Amino acid sequence: MSKIVTKFVECYIILRINKTVKYLLLKRSKDVDVYPGIWQPVTGRIDRGEKAYETALRELKEETGLNYKNFYIVNTINEFYLANSDSIHLVPVFLAEVAEDKVRISPEHSEYQWLTEKEAVKKLYWQSQKDILKSINKNLKNKTYIKKIL
């Protein structure tokens, strides 16, 4: 029987410039073992004893060097299946609003881009991430969908 686990988080990053919302995407380095070269939001593995939101904040800093201005829980869960471990992964989703666009990427990534919703959706590899980004964009002012936690 497949295990259901939560070991990872996703954190979408936005920057508001006047009335335009830009999303930060990171391109995985060609040197990483898993999914080299794909574009993605900030992602990461939850460390032992760490809460999911703490992981998202840690990964935000490690992968981008950015500090959050506002931090939200997104009322959705991403999910995927790993055949090698026969496990179903439920991934909590977060949203960080930042005040600056100066990104310092980690060696895990080779590039970054600030993109509009439509541009970002075209670059994302996974359909579930495309759907989540569209939903975030549609619901940025919906306090039921996005709850501020920090």
N, C-alpha and C. Protein backbone atom coordinates (compact mmCIF):
# COMPACT_ATOMS: atom_id res chain seq x y z
N MET A 1 0.84 -1.19 0.00
CA MET A 1 0.00 0.00 0.00
C MET A 1 0.88 1.25 0.00
N SER A 2 0.56 2.21 -0.84
CA SER A 2 1.33 3.45 -0.95
C SER A 2 1.27 4.25 0.34
N LYS A 3 2.40 4.88 0.68
CA LYS A 3 2.46 5.78 1.83
C LYS A 3 2.08 7.18 1.38
N ILE A 4 1.43 7.92 2.26
CA ILE A 4 1.15 9.34 2.02
C ILE A 4 2.08 10.13 2.95
N VAL A 5 2.89 10.98 2.37
CA VAL A 5 3.89 11.71 3.16
C VAL A 5 3.92 13.19 2.77
N THR A 6 4.47 13.99 3.67
CA THR A 6 4.72 15.41 3.41
C THR A 6 6.17 15.67 3.74
N LYS A 7 6.98 15.79 2.70
CA LYS A 7 8.41 16.00 2.89
C LYS A 7 8.92 17.26 2.20
N PHE A 8 8.07 17.89 1.38
CA PHE A 8 8.51 19.03 0.57
C PHE A 8 7.54 20.20 0.70
N VAL A 9 8.01 21.39 0.34
CA VAL A 9 7.17 22.59 0.26
C VAL A 9 7.41 23.30 -1.06
N GLU A 10 6.46 24.12 -1.46
CA GLU A 10 6.62 25.04 -2.58
C GLU A 10 6.32 26.44 -2.07
N CYS A 11 7.09 27.39 -2.54
CA CYS A 11 6.87 28.78 -2.15
C CYS A 11 6.96 29.65 -3.40
N TYR A 12 5.85 30.28 -3.75
CA TYR A 12 5.78 31.19 -4.88
C TYR A 12 6.16 32.57 -4.37
N ILE A 13 6.94 33.30 -5.16
CA ILE A 13 7.46 34.61 -4.75
C ILE A 13 6.88 35.66 -5.68
N ILE A 14 6.33 36.73 -5.08
CA ILE A 14 5.82 37.83 -5.89
C ILE A 14 6.48 39.14 -5.51
N LEU A 15 6.52 40.02 -6.51
CA LEU A 15 6.98 41.39 -6.34
C LEU A 15 5.95 42.27 -7.02
N ARG A 16 5.41 43.23 -6.29
CA ARG A 16 4.44 44.17 -6.87
C ARG A 16 5.17 45.41 -7.34
N ILE A 17 5.01 45.71 -8.62
CA ILE A 17 5.61 46.92 -9.20
C ILE A 17 4.45 47.73 -9.75
N ASN A 18 4.10 48.82 -9.03
CA ASN A 18 2.89 49.60 -9.31
C ASN A 18 1.70 48.64 -9.26
N LYS A 19 0.98 48.44 -10.34
CA LYS A 19 -0.17 47.53 -10.33
C LYS A 19 0.15 46.18 -10.96
N THR A 20 1.41 45.97 -11.31
CA THR A 20 1.82 44.72 -11.94
C THR A 20 2.40 43.77 -10.90
N VAL A 21 2.02 42.50 -10.97
CA VAL A 21 2.57 41.47 -10.10
C VAL A 21 3.53 40.64 -10.93
N LYS A 22 4.76 40.51 -10.43
CA LYS A 22 5.77 39.67 -11.08
C LYS A 22 6.04 38.45 -10.19
N TYR A 23 6.24 37.32 -10.84
CA TYR A 23 6.53 36.06 -10.16
C TYR A 23 7.97 35.67 -10.41
N LEU A 24 8.64 35.20 -9.37
CA LEU A 24 10.02 34.76 -9.51
C LEU A 24 10.05 33.26 -9.82
N LEU A 25 10.73 32.91 -10.90
CA LEU A 25 10.97 31.51 -11.21
C LEU A 25 12.47 31.27 -11.26
N LEU A 26 12.86 30.07 -10.86
CA LEU A 26 14.26 29.67 -10.82
C LEU A 26 14.47 28.50 -11.78
N LYS A 27 15.57 28.53 -12.51
CA LYS A 27 15.90 27.43 -13.42
C LYS A 27 16.90 26.51 -12.72
N ARG A 28 16.51 25.23 -12.60
CA ARG A 28 17.39 24.26 -11.95
C ARG A 28 18.67 24.09 -12.76
N SER A 29 19.77 24.02 -12.05
CA SER A 29 21.08 23.85 -12.67
C SER A 29 21.14 22.53 -13.44
N LYS A 30 21.95 22.49 -14.45
CA LYS A 30 22.15 21.24 -15.21
C LYS A 30 22.92 20.22 -14.39
N ASP A 31 23.54 20.65 -13.28
CA ASP A 31 24.34 19.76 -12.44
C ASP A 31 23.54 19.02 -11.38
N VAL A 32 22.27 19.38 -11.17
CA VAL A 32 21.47 18.69 -10.14
C VAL A 32 20.97 17.37 -10.68
N ASP A 33 20.79 16.41 -9.78
CA ASP A 33 20.37 15.06 -10.19
C ASP A 33 18.91 15.00 -10.63
N VAL A 34 18.06 15.75 -9.97
CA VAL A 34 16.62 15.65 -10.20
C VAL A 34 16.14 16.84 -11.03
N TYR A 35 15.54 16.56 -12.18
CA TYR A 35 14.93 17.55 -13.07
C TYR A 35 15.84 18.73 -13.41
N PRO A 36 17.04 18.47 -13.93
CA PRO A 36 17.92 19.57 -14.32
C PRO A 36 17.28 20.39 -15.44
N GLY A 37 17.47 21.72 -15.35
CA GLY A 37 17.04 22.61 -16.43
C GLY A 37 15.58 23.05 -16.41
N ILE A 38 14.77 22.55 -15.47
CA ILE A 38 13.37 22.98 -15.46
C ILE A 38 13.22 24.27 -14.65
N TRP A 39 12.17 25.03 -14.99
CA TRP A 39 11.84 26.26 -14.26
C TRP A 39 10.84 25.91 -13.18
N GLN A 40 10.99 26.52 -12.00
CA GLN A 40 10.15 26.19 -10.85
C GLN A 40 10.09 27.35 -9.85
N PRO A 41 9.11 27.28 -8.93
CA PRO A 41 9.13 28.22 -7.80
C PRO A 41 10.19 27.73 -6.81
N VAL A 42 10.33 28.40 -5.71
CA VAL A 42 11.20 27.92 -4.63
C VAL A 42 10.59 26.62 -4.09
N THR A 43 11.42 25.61 -3.96
CA THR A 43 10.98 24.32 -3.42
C THR A 43 12.01 23.85 -2.42
N GLY A 44 11.61 22.89 -1.59
CA GLY A 44 12.59 22.35 -0.66
C GLY A 44 12.06 21.23 0.19
N ARG A 45 13.01 20.50 0.77
CA ARG A 45 12.71 19.37 1.64
C ARG A 45 12.61 19.85 3.09
N ILE A 46 11.58 19.38 3.78
CA ILE A 46 11.37 19.72 5.19
C ILE A 46 12.40 18.97 6.03
N ASP A 47 13.17 19.71 6.83
CA ASP A 47 14.15 19.10 7.74
C ASP A 47 13.45 18.56 8.98
N ARG A 48 14.07 17.58 9.60
CA ARG A 48 13.53 16.99 10.84
C ARG A 48 13.30 18.08 11.89
N GLY A 49 12.12 18.08 12.49
CA GLY A 49 11.77 19.04 13.52
C GLY A 49 11.34 20.40 12.99
N GLU A 50 11.32 20.58 11.69
CA GLU A 50 10.98 21.85 11.08
C GLU A 50 9.51 21.84 10.67
N LYS A 51 8.83 22.95 10.87
CA LYS A 51 7.46 23.10 10.37
C LYS A 51 7.53 23.46 8.89
N ALA A 52 6.48 23.12 8.16
CA ALA A 52 6.48 23.36 6.71
C ALA A 52 6.71 24.84 6.39
N TYR A 53 6.06 25.74 7.11
CA TYR A 53 6.24 27.16 6.80
C TYR A 53 7.67 27.61 7.11
N GLU A 54 8.31 27.00 8.11
CA GLU A 54 9.71 27.33 8.42
C GLU A 54 10.62 26.89 7.26
N THR A 55 10.30 25.75 6.67
CA THR A 55 11.05 25.28 5.51
C THR A 55 10.93 26.27 4.36
N ALA A 56 9.71 26.72 4.10
CA ALA A 56 9.50 27.68 3.00
C ALA A 56 10.32 28.95 3.23
N LEU A 57 10.34 29.45 4.45
CA LEU A 57 11.11 30.66 4.75
C LEU A 57 12.61 30.40 4.62
N ARG A 58 13.07 29.25 5.09
CA ARG A 58 14.49 28.91 4.97
C ARG A 58 14.89 28.78 3.50
N GLU A 59 14.08 28.07 2.73
CA GLU A 59 14.38 27.88 1.32
C GLU A 59 14.33 29.20 0.54
N LEU A 60 13.41 30.09 0.90
CA LEU A 60 13.36 31.41 0.28
C LEU A 60 14.72 32.10 0.43
N LYS A 61 15.25 32.09 1.63
CA LYS A 61 16.54 32.75 1.90
C LYS A 61 17.68 32.01 1.22
N GLU A 62 17.72 30.67 1.33
CA GLU A 62 18.81 29.90 0.75
C GLU A 62 18.85 29.97 -0.78
N GLU A 63 17.69 29.90 -1.41
CA GLU A 63 17.65 29.81 -2.87
C GLU A 63 17.64 31.17 -3.57
N THR A 64 17.27 32.24 -2.85
CA THR A 64 17.15 33.55 -3.50
C THR A 64 17.88 34.68 -2.79
N GLY A 65 18.17 34.51 -1.50
CA GLY A 65 18.77 35.59 -0.72
C GLY A 65 17.78 36.68 -0.35
N LEU A 66 16.50 36.49 -0.70
CA LEU A 66 15.47 37.51 -0.45
C LEU A 66 14.87 37.37 0.93
N ASN A 67 14.37 38.49 1.46
CA ASN A 67 13.59 38.51 2.69
C ASN A 67 12.14 38.78 2.33
N TYR A 68 11.23 38.19 3.09
CA TYR A 68 9.82 38.40 2.80
C TYR A 68 9.33 39.71 3.41
N LYS A 69 8.38 40.32 2.75
CA LYS A 69 7.65 41.50 3.24
C LYS A 69 6.35 41.00 3.88
N ASN A 70 5.66 40.10 3.19
CA ASN A 70 4.46 39.43 3.68
C ASN A 70 4.59 37.96 3.33
N PHE A 71 4.04 37.11 4.19
CA PHE A 71 4.15 35.66 3.99
C PHE A 71 2.79 35.03 4.22
N TYR A 72 2.37 34.18 3.28
CA TYR A 72 1.02 33.65 3.28
C TYR A 72 0.99 32.12 3.13
N ILE A 73 -0.03 31.52 3.71
CA ILE A 73 -0.38 30.14 3.41
C ILE A 73 -1.36 30.20 2.24
N VAL A 74 -1.15 29.37 1.23
CA VAL A 74 -2.06 29.30 0.10
C VAL A 74 -2.98 28.10 0.34
N ASN A 75 -4.25 28.31 0.18
CA ASN A 75 -5.25 27.29 0.49
C ASN A 75 -5.32 26.23 -0.61
N THR A 76 -4.19 25.57 -0.83
CA THR A 76 -4.12 24.46 -1.78
C THR A 76 -2.93 23.59 -1.42
N ILE A 77 -2.96 22.37 -1.86
CA ILE A 77 -1.88 21.42 -1.65
C ILE A 77 -1.49 20.88 -3.02
N ASN A 78 -0.20 20.89 -3.33
CA ASN A 78 0.26 20.22 -4.54
C ASN A 78 0.48 18.75 -4.19
N GLU A 79 0.54 17.90 -5.19
CA GLU A 79 0.70 16.48 -4.92
C GLU A 79 1.44 15.82 -6.07
N PHE A 80 2.19 14.77 -5.74
CA PHE A 80 2.84 13.98 -6.77
C PHE A 80 3.13 12.59 -6.23
N TYR A 81 3.40 11.67 -7.14
CA TYR A 81 3.66 10.28 -6.80
C TYR A 81 5.09 9.93 -7.19
N LEU A 82 5.82 9.24 -6.29
CA LEU A 82 7.15 8.73 -6.59
C LEU A 82 7.09 7.21 -6.67
N ALA A 83 7.35 6.67 -7.83
CA ALA A 83 7.25 5.22 -8.02
C ALA A 83 8.33 4.46 -7.25
N ASN A 84 9.55 5.03 -7.19
CA ASN A 84 10.64 4.29 -6.54
C ASN A 84 10.41 4.04 -5.06
N SER A 85 9.65 4.90 -4.41
CA SER A 85 9.32 4.70 -3.00
C SER A 85 7.85 4.36 -2.79
N ASP A 86 7.11 4.26 -3.90
CA ASP A 86 5.66 4.00 -3.84
C ASP A 86 4.99 4.93 -2.83
N SER A 87 5.27 6.23 -2.99
CA SER A 87 4.76 7.20 -2.03
C SER A 87 4.05 8.36 -2.73
N ILE A 88 2.98 8.79 -2.09
CA ILE A 88 2.20 9.94 -2.55
C ILE A 88 2.61 11.12 -1.67
N HIS A 89 3.05 12.19 -2.30
CA HIS A 89 3.54 13.35 -1.56
C HIS A 89 2.53 14.48 -1.63
N LEU A 90 2.18 15.00 -0.46
CA LEU A 90 1.33 16.18 -0.35
C LEU A 90 2.24 17.35 -0.01
N VAL A 91 2.17 18.40 -0.80
CA VAL A 91 3.12 19.51 -0.69
C VAL A 91 2.40 20.79 -0.30
N PRO A 92 2.62 21.29 0.93
CA PRO A 92 2.04 22.57 1.31
C PRO A 92 2.57 23.70 0.43
N VAL A 93 1.71 24.66 0.13
CA VAL A 93 2.06 25.77 -0.77
C VAL A 93 2.00 27.08 -0.01
N PHE A 94 3.03 27.90 -0.21
CA PHE A 94 3.15 29.19 0.45
C PHE A 94 3.39 30.27 -0.60
N LEU A 95 3.19 31.51 -0.18
CA LEU A 95 3.41 32.67 -1.03
C LEU A 95 4.17 33.71 -0.22
N ALA A 96 5.27 34.19 -0.78
CA ALA A 96 6.04 35.24 -0.12
C ALA A 96 6.04 36.47 -1.02
N GLU A 97 5.66 37.58 -0.45
CA GLU A 97 5.77 38.86 -1.16
C GLU A 97 7.07 39.50 -0.72
N VAL A 98 7.86 39.96 -1.67
CA VAL A 98 9.14 40.59 -1.37
C VAL A 98 9.11 42.04 -1.83
N ALA A 99 10.05 42.84 -1.32
CA ALA A 99 10.07 44.26 -1.65
C ALA A 99 11.17 44.62 -2.64
N GLU A 100 12.06 43.69 -2.95
CA GLU A 100 13.15 43.99 -3.87
C GLU A 100 13.32 42.87 -4.89
N ASP A 101 13.95 43.19 -6.00
CA ASP A 101 14.10 42.21 -7.07
C ASP A 101 15.52 41.68 -7.23
N LYS A 102 16.42 42.03 -6.32
CA LYS A 102 17.81 41.59 -6.40
C LYS A 102 17.94 40.18 -5.82
N VAL A 103 18.07 39.20 -6.70
CA VAL A 103 18.10 37.79 -6.30
C VAL A 103 19.54 37.28 -6.32
N ARG A 104 19.88 36.49 -5.30
CA ARG A 104 21.17 35.80 -5.23
C ARG A 104 20.87 34.31 -5.24
N ILE A 105 20.97 33.68 -6.41
CA ILE A 105 20.59 32.27 -6.53
C ILE A 105 21.66 31.35 -5.93
N SER A 106 21.19 30.19 -5.50
CA SER A 106 22.08 29.16 -4.94
C SER A 106 22.66 28.33 -6.09
N PRO A 107 23.66 27.50 -5.81
CA PRO A 107 24.23 26.63 -6.86
C PRO A 107 23.22 25.62 -7.43
N GLU A 108 22.12 25.42 -6.72
CA GLU A 108 21.06 24.52 -7.20
C GLU A 108 20.39 25.06 -8.47
N HIS A 109 20.53 26.37 -8.69
CA HIS A 109 19.89 27.02 -9.84
C HIS A 109 20.93 27.75 -10.69
N SER A 110 20.60 27.91 -11.98
CA SER A 110 21.52 28.59 -12.88
C SER A 110 21.02 29.96 -13.34
N GLU A 111 19.71 30.18 -13.26
CA GLU A 111 19.11 31.44 -13.70
C GLU A 111 17.88 31.75 -12.87
N TYR A 112 17.46 33.01 -12.95
CA TYR A 112 16.16 33.41 -12.40
C TYR A 112 15.54 34.44 -13.33
N GLN A 113 14.22 34.55 -13.26
CA GLN A 113 13.51 35.57 -14.02
C GLN A 113 12.29 36.03 -13.23
N TRP A 114 12.02 37.34 -13.28
CA TRP A 114 10.77 37.90 -12.78
C TRP A 114 9.82 37.98 -13.97
N LEU A 115 8.65 37.34 -13.84
CA LEU A 115 7.75 37.20 -14.98
C LEU A 115 6.31 37.54 -14.61
N THR A 116 5.55 37.95 -15.61
CA THR A 116 4.11 38.10 -15.40
C THR A 116 3.50 36.71 -15.23
N GLU A 117 2.26 36.67 -14.83
CA GLU A 117 1.58 35.38 -14.67
C GLU A 117 1.64 34.56 -15.97
N LYS A 118 1.29 35.17 -17.09
CA LYS A 118 1.26 34.44 -18.36
C LYS A 118 2.63 33.95 -18.77
N GLU A 119 3.65 34.77 -18.58
CA GLU A 119 5.02 34.36 -18.92
C GLU A 119 5.47 33.21 -18.02
N ALA A 120 5.16 33.31 -16.72
CA ALA A 120 5.57 32.27 -15.77
C ALA A 120 4.90 30.94 -16.07
N VAL A 121 3.61 30.98 -16.37
CA VAL A 121 2.88 29.75 -16.67
C VAL A 121 3.50 29.04 -17.87
N LYS A 122 3.95 29.79 -18.85
CA LYS A 122 4.57 29.18 -20.03
C LYS A 122 5.89 28.49 -19.69
N LYS A 123 6.62 29.00 -18.70
CA LYS A 123 7.93 28.45 -18.36
C LYS A 123 7.87 27.26 -17.41
N LEU A 124 6.85 27.22 -16.53
CA LEU A 124 6.78 26.13 -15.56
C LEU A 124 6.65 24.78 -16.26
N TYR A 125 7.28 23.77 -15.72
CA TYR A 125 7.29 22.43 -16.30
C TYR A 125 6.06 21.62 -15.92
N TRP A 126 5.70 21.64 -14.64
CA TRP A 126 4.60 20.81 -14.13
C TRP A 126 3.26 21.52 -14.27
N GLN A 127 2.27 20.81 -14.77
CA GLN A 127 0.92 21.37 -14.93
C GLN A 127 0.35 21.81 -13.60
N SER A 128 0.59 21.04 -12.54
CA SER A 128 0.05 21.41 -11.23
C SER A 128 0.60 22.76 -10.77
N GLN A 129 1.87 23.04 -11.04
CA GLN A 129 2.44 24.34 -10.66
C GLN A 129 1.87 25.46 -11.52
N LYS A 130 1.61 25.19 -12.79
CA LYS A 130 0.96 26.18 -13.65
C LYS A 130 -0.42 26.53 -13.08
N ASP A 131 -1.18 25.50 -12.69
CA ASP A 131 -2.53 25.71 -12.15
C ASP A 131 -2.48 26.48 -10.84
N ILE A 132 -1.53 26.15 -9.97
CA ILE A 132 -1.40 26.84 -8.69
C ILE A 132 -1.06 28.31 -8.91
N LEU A 133 -0.11 28.59 -9.80
CA LEU A 133 0.26 29.98 -10.06
C LEU A 133 -0.92 30.78 -10.60
N LYS A 134 -1.67 30.20 -11.53
CA LYS A 134 -2.86 30.88 -12.06
C LYS A 134 -3.86 31.15 -10.93
N SER A 135 -4.04 30.16 -10.06
CA SER A 135 -4.99 30.32 -8.96
C SER A 135 -4.54 31.38 -7.97
N ILE A 136 -3.24 31.41 -7.68
CA ILE A 136 -2.71 32.46 -6.80
C ILE A 136 -2.98 33.83 -7.41
N ASN A 137 -2.66 33.97 -8.68
CA ASN A 137 -2.85 35.25 -9.36
C ASN A 137 -4.31 35.69 -9.32
N LYS A 138 -5.20 34.77 -9.56
CA LYS A 138 -6.64 35.06 -9.56
C LYS A 138 -7.13 35.44 -8.16
N ASN A 139 -6.52 34.88 -7.13
CA ASN A 139 -7.03 35.03 -5.77
C ASN A 139 -6.15 35.87 -4.85
N LEU A 140 -5.29 36.72 -5.41
CA LEU A 140 -4.36 37.48 -4.56
C LEU A 140 -5.05 38.32 -3.49
N LYS A 141 -6.27 38.74 -3.73
CA LYS A 141 -6.99 39.56 -2.74
C LYS A 141 -8.01 38.76 -1.93
N ASN A 142 -8.09 37.45 -2.17
CA ASN A 142 -9.07 36.60 -1.50
C ASN A 142 -8.48 36.08 -0.19
N LYS A 143 -8.95 36.63 0.94
CA LYS A 143 -8.40 36.29 2.26
C LYS A 143 -8.74 34.86 2.69
N THR A 144 -9.67 34.22 2.00
CA THR A 144 -9.97 32.82 2.29
C THR A 144 -8.97 31.91 1.60
N TYR A 145 -8.54 32.29 0.42
CA TYR A 145 -7.60 31.47 -0.35
C TYR A 145 -6.16 31.67 0.13
N ILE A 146 -5.80 32.91 0.43
CA ILE A 146 -4.46 33.24 0.86
C ILE A 146 -4.54 33.88 2.25
N LYS A 147 -3.98 33.19 3.24
CA LYS A 147 -4.02 33.69 4.62
C LYS A 147 -2.64 34.15 5.05
N LYS A 148 -2.57 35.41 5.50
CA LYS A 148 -1.31 35.96 5.95
C LYS A 148 -0.93 35.31 7.28
N ILE A 149 0.32 34.82 7.36
CA ILE A 149 0.75 34.26 8.64
C ILE A 149 1.91 35.03 9.25
N LEU A 150 2.70 35.70 8.46
CA LEU A 150 3.82 36.47 9.00
C LEU A 150 3.89 37.81 8.30
